Structures are given as structure tokens and as C-alpha cells.
Amino acid sequence: MKLKNTLIVVKDIEKSRQFYHDLFGLDLVLDNDGNMILTEGLVLQDEKIWKKFLGKEIISKNNASELYFEEQDIEAFLEKLDQRYPEIQYVNRLMTHSRGQKVVRFYDLDGNLIEVGTPM
């Protein structure tokens, strides 16, 4: 068995596609009417489809999971984040763990938790 994708729910799929392209360089692999597969295995699904499938409301900012990215030049990444998405909500600003790794956590446009850290 092999894990193929990670799916997150989004309100505006095109805006989210642009967000993940702008910040992480993820490109569109397949656009399937409310489902977009991006490079690195991230899938964006339109909130309306997910609600209909589950029959439940979406709970954003639930903090039950996060997407984790690594970036060597985290300061440059943060400049880009602040310039392109100044409204972004941080969970924690840049901090350094005792093991020396620098990390930042924030919510994407739809309340999905993201962590960006320097490589270990």
C-alpha cells in the first residue's frame, strides 16, 4: 500500500491553487471539476463537494492536522508570505526549537494549518 495524496477542503479552489503556487511552487497536475491535484500530492477539494459527501459542516482551524513544508531560506519565505498575503493569520511567528530548527505556523486562506521549517 502507498499513500498517494493529501486532500484539504477549500472555499475558493482557484484562489487556493494560486496560494499554493505562489508560496510553495506547487503546480496543477489535474483539474477535475472541484478537485485539483497539485504537484507533491496535495489535492484541493471544493467545500461544497466535501459537505455534500460528508453531510457535515466543515470545521476550519480545527488544529487536528497540518501540512509541513521545509525551506532552507525561511526568512525569504516569510518576506514573500507577508508581501503576497499580508492578511495571513499566524499561529506562531518564526521561532527556533531547542534542536536548532526554525519554524513558523499559520493558517492558509481556508483555515488549514501549515508549518514551514528549516531542514533538519
C-alpha atoms as a PDB file:
ATOM      1  CA  MET A   1       0.000   0.000   0.000  1.00  0.00           C
ATOM      2  CA  LYS A   2       1.155   3.520  -0.766  1.00  0.00           C
ATOM      3  CA  LEU A   3      -0.123   6.919   0.385  1.00  0.00           C
ATOM      4  CA  LYS A   4      -0.853   8.873  -2.782  1.00  0.00           C
ATOM      5  CA  ASN A   5      -2.358  12.224  -1.805  1.00  0.00           C
ATOM      6  CA  THR A   6      -3.367  14.551   0.986  1.00  0.00           C
ATOM      7  CA  LEU A   7      -6.694  16.328   0.483  1.00  0.00           C
ATOM      8  CA  ILE A   8      -7.692  19.633   2.012  1.00  0.00           C
ATOM      9  CA  VAL A   9     -11.028  21.413   1.739  1.00  0.00           C
ATOM     10  CA  VAL A  10     -11.124  24.952   0.317  1.00  0.00           C
ATOM     11  CA  LYS A  11     -13.801  27.587  -0.249  1.00  0.00           C
ATOM     12  CA  ASP A  12     -12.369  29.115  -3.443  1.00  0.00           C
ATOM     13  CA  ILE A  13     -10.402  26.458  -5.292  1.00  0.00           C
ATOM     14  CA  GLU A  14      -8.785  28.846  -7.789  1.00  0.00           C
ATOM     15  CA  LYS A  15      -7.648  31.228  -5.046  1.00  0.00           C
ATOM     16  CA  SER A  16      -6.219  28.289  -3.109  1.00  0.00           C
ATOM     17  CA  ARG A  17      -4.457  26.922  -6.191  1.00  0.00           C
ATOM     18  CA  GLN A  18      -2.815  30.321  -6.650  1.00  0.00           C
ATOM     19  CA  PHE A  19      -1.866  30.480  -2.947  1.00  0.00           C
ATOM     20  CA  TYR A  20      -0.083  27.117  -3.027  1.00  0.00           C
ATOM     21  CA  HIS A  21       1.602  28.014  -6.297  1.00  0.00           C
ATOM     22  CA  ASP A  22       2.743  31.467  -5.087  1.00  0.00           C
ATOM     23  CA  LEU A  23       4.178  30.279  -1.789  1.00  0.00           C
ATOM     24  CA  PHE A  24       5.254  26.684  -2.358  1.00  0.00           C
ATOM     25  CA  GLY A  25       5.667  26.396  -6.122  1.00  0.00           C
ATOM     26  CA  LEU A  26       3.025  23.676  -6.420  1.00  0.00           C
ATOM     27  CA  ASP A  27       1.681  23.345  -9.945  1.00  0.00           C
ATOM     28  CA  LEU A  28      -1.604  21.976 -11.239  1.00  0.00           C
ATOM     29  CA  VAL A  29      -1.455  18.339 -12.348  1.00  0.00           C
ATOM     30  CA  LEU A  30      -5.167  17.683 -12.893  1.00  0.00           C
ATOM     31  CA  ASP A  31      -8.314  19.819 -12.668  1.00  0.00           C
ATOM     32  CA  ASN A  32     -11.309  17.551 -12.217  1.00  0.00           C
ATOM     33  CA  ASP A  33     -14.341  19.777 -11.630  1.00  0.00           C
ATOM     34  CA  GLY A  34     -13.997  20.755  -7.987  1.00  0.00           C
ATOM     35  CA  ASN A  35     -10.935  18.615  -7.303  1.00  0.00           C
ATOM     36  CA  MET A  36      -7.450  19.819  -8.188  1.00  0.00           C
ATOM     37  CA  ILE A  37      -4.383  17.664  -7.840  1.00  0.00           C
ATOM     38  CA  LEU A  38      -1.215  19.695  -7.372  1.00  0.00           C
ATOM     39  CA  THR A  39       2.381  18.569  -7.537  1.00  0.00           C
ATOM     40  CA  GLU A  40       3.750  16.924  -4.387  1.00  0.00           C
ATOM     41  CA  GLY A  41       0.393  15.133  -3.943  1.00  0.00           C
ATOM     42  CA  LEU A  42      -1.695  17.942  -2.482  1.00  0.00           C
ATOM     43  CA  VAL A  43      -5.357  17.790  -3.510  1.00  0.00           C
ATOM     44  CA  LEU A  44      -7.704  20.755  -3.184  1.00  0.00           C
ATOM     45  CA  GLN A  45     -11.393  19.929  -2.973  1.00  0.00           C
ATOM     46  CA  ASP A  46     -14.223  22.421  -3.216  1.00  0.00           C
ATOM     47  CA  GLU A  47     -16.008  22.798   0.123  1.00  0.00           C
ATOM     48  CA  LYS A  48     -19.427  22.244  -1.478  1.00  0.00           C
ATOM     49  CA  ILE A  49     -18.395  18.786  -2.727  1.00  0.00           C
ATOM     50  CA  TRP A  50     -16.930  17.796   0.640  1.00  0.00           C
ATOM     51  CA  LYS A  51     -20.036  18.975   2.558  1.00  0.00           C
ATOM     52  CA  LYS A  52     -22.293  17.015   0.218  1.00  0.00           C
ATOM     53  CA  PHE A  53     -20.121  13.900   0.506  1.00  0.00           C
ATOM     54  CA  LEU A  54     -19.843  14.014   4.318  1.00  0.00           C
ATOM     55  CA  GLY A  55     -23.204  15.548   5.132  1.00  0.00           C
ATOM     56  CA  LYS A  56     -21.491  17.670   7.809  1.00  0.00           C
ATOM     57  CA  GLU A  57     -20.248  21.197   8.230  1.00  0.00           C
ATOM     58  CA  ILE A  58     -16.575  21.953   7.653  1.00  0.00           C
ATOM     59  CA  ILE A  59     -14.629  22.875  10.792  1.00  0.00           C
ATOM     60  CA  SER A  60     -11.779  25.157   9.816  1.00  0.00           C
ATOM     61  CA  LYS A  61      -8.863  25.874  12.138  1.00  0.00           C
ATOM     62  CA  ASN A  62      -9.506  22.575  13.905  1.00  0.00           C
ATOM     63  CA  ASN A  63      -5.769  22.049  14.555  1.00  0.00           C
ATOM     64  CA  ALA A  64      -6.104  18.276  14.094  1.00  0.00           C
ATOM     65  CA  SER A  65      -3.546  18.151  11.274  1.00  0.00           C
ATOM     66  CA  GLU A  66      -1.076  20.306   9.418  1.00  0.00           C
ATOM     67  CA  LEU A  67       0.762  20.480   6.128  1.00  0.00           C
ATOM     68  CA  TYR A  68       4.515  20.565   6.674  1.00  0.00           C
ATOM     69  CA  PHE A  69       6.976  22.144   4.253  1.00  0.00           C
ATOM     70  CA  GLU A  70      10.727  22.649   4.521  1.00  0.00           C
ATOM     71  CA  GLU A  71      12.514  25.774   3.323  1.00  0.00           C
ATOM     72  CA  GLN A  72      16.226  26.498   3.583  1.00  0.00           C
ATOM     73  CA  ASP A  73      15.803  30.287   3.408  1.00  0.00           C
ATOM     74  CA  ILE A  74      12.886  30.690   5.804  1.00  0.00           C
ATOM     75  CA  GLU A  75      13.399  34.448   6.229  1.00  0.00           C
ATOM     76  CA  ALA A  76      12.965  34.991   2.460  1.00  0.00           C
ATOM     77  CA  PHE A  77       9.890  32.759   2.540  1.00  0.00           C
ATOM     78  CA  LEU A  78       8.372  34.889   5.329  1.00  0.00           C
ATOM     79  CA  GLU A  79       9.032  38.082   3.364  1.00  0.00           C
ATOM     80  CA  LYS A  80       7.212  36.570   0.376  1.00  0.00           C
ATOM     81  CA  LEU A  81       4.342  35.406   2.608  1.00  0.00           C
ATOM     82  CA  ASP A  82       3.941  38.847   4.197  1.00  0.00           C
ATOM     83  CA  GLN A  83       4.145  40.651   0.840  1.00  0.00           C
ATOM     84  CA  ARG A  84       1.712  38.435  -1.056  1.00  0.00           C
ATOM     85  CA  TYR A  85      -0.660  37.523   1.781  1.00  0.00           C
ATOM     86  CA  PRO A  86      -0.478  40.237   4.466  1.00  0.00           C
ATOM     87  CA  GLU A  87      -3.835  39.106   5.911  1.00  0.00           C
ATOM     88  CA  ILE A  88      -2.486  35.647   6.800  1.00  0.00           C
ATOM     89  CA  GLN A  89      -3.205  34.524  10.357  1.00  0.00           C
ATOM     90  CA  TYR A  90      -0.169  33.228  12.239  1.00  0.00           C
ATOM     91  CA  VAL A  91      -0.341  30.557  14.920  1.00  0.00           C
ATOM     92  CA  ASN A  92       3.252  31.314  15.856  1.00  0.00           C
ATOM     93  CA  ARG A  93       5.734  33.637  14.236  1.00  0.00           C
ATOM     94  CA  LEU A  94       9.241  32.477  13.457  1.00  0.00           C
ATOM     95  CA  MET A  95      10.725  30.614  16.405  1.00  0.00           C
ATOM     96  CA  THR A  96      13.712  28.366  16.958  1.00  0.00           C
ATOM     97  CA  HIS A  97      13.326  24.970  18.626  1.00  0.00           C
ATOM     98  CA  SER A  98      15.956  23.797  21.110  1.00  0.00           C
ATOM     99  CA  ARG A  99      17.221  21.423  18.402  1.00  0.00           C
ATOM    100  CA  GLY A 100      18.037  24.468  16.223  1.00  0.00           C
ATOM    101  CA  GLN A 101      15.250  24.161  13.678  1.00  0.00           C
ATOM    102  CA  LYS A 102      13.452  27.404  12.773  1.00  0.00           C
ATOM    103  CA  VAL A 103       9.685  27.068  12.235  1.00  0.00           C
ATOM    104  CA  VAL A 104       6.601  29.170  11.608  1.00  0.00           C
ATOM    105  CA  ARG A 105       2.942  28.106  11.693  1.00  0.00           C
ATOM    106  CA  PHE A 106      -0.001  29.814  10.048  1.00  0.00           C
ATOM    107  CA  TYR A 107      -3.396  29.107   8.528  1.00  0.00           C
ATOM    108  CA  ASP A 108      -3.947  29.071   4.795  1.00  0.00           C
ATOM    109  CA  LEU A 109      -6.851  31.016   3.284  1.00  0.00           C
ATOM    110  CA  ASP A 110      -9.312  28.344   4.476  1.00  0.00           C
ATOM    111  CA  GLY A 111      -8.020  27.633   7.972  1.00  0.00           C
ATOM    112  CA  ASN A 112      -5.805  24.656   7.104  1.00  0.00           C
ATOM    113  CA  LEU A 113      -2.771  24.645   9.379  1.00  0.00           C
ATOM    114  CA  ILE A 114       0.653  24.935   7.725  1.00  0.00           C
ATOM    115  CA  GLU A 115       4.103  24.627   9.256  1.00  0.00           C
ATOM    116  CA  VAL A 116       7.230  25.692   7.426  1.00  0.00           C
ATOM    117  CA  GLY A 117      10.545  24.714   8.937  1.00  0.00           C
ATOM    118  CA  THR A 118      14.190  24.698   8.031  1.00  0.00           C
ATOM    119  CA  PRO A 119      15.589  21.265   7.115  1.00  0.00           C
ATOM    120  CA  MET A 120      16.874  19.167   9.998  1.00  0.00           C
END
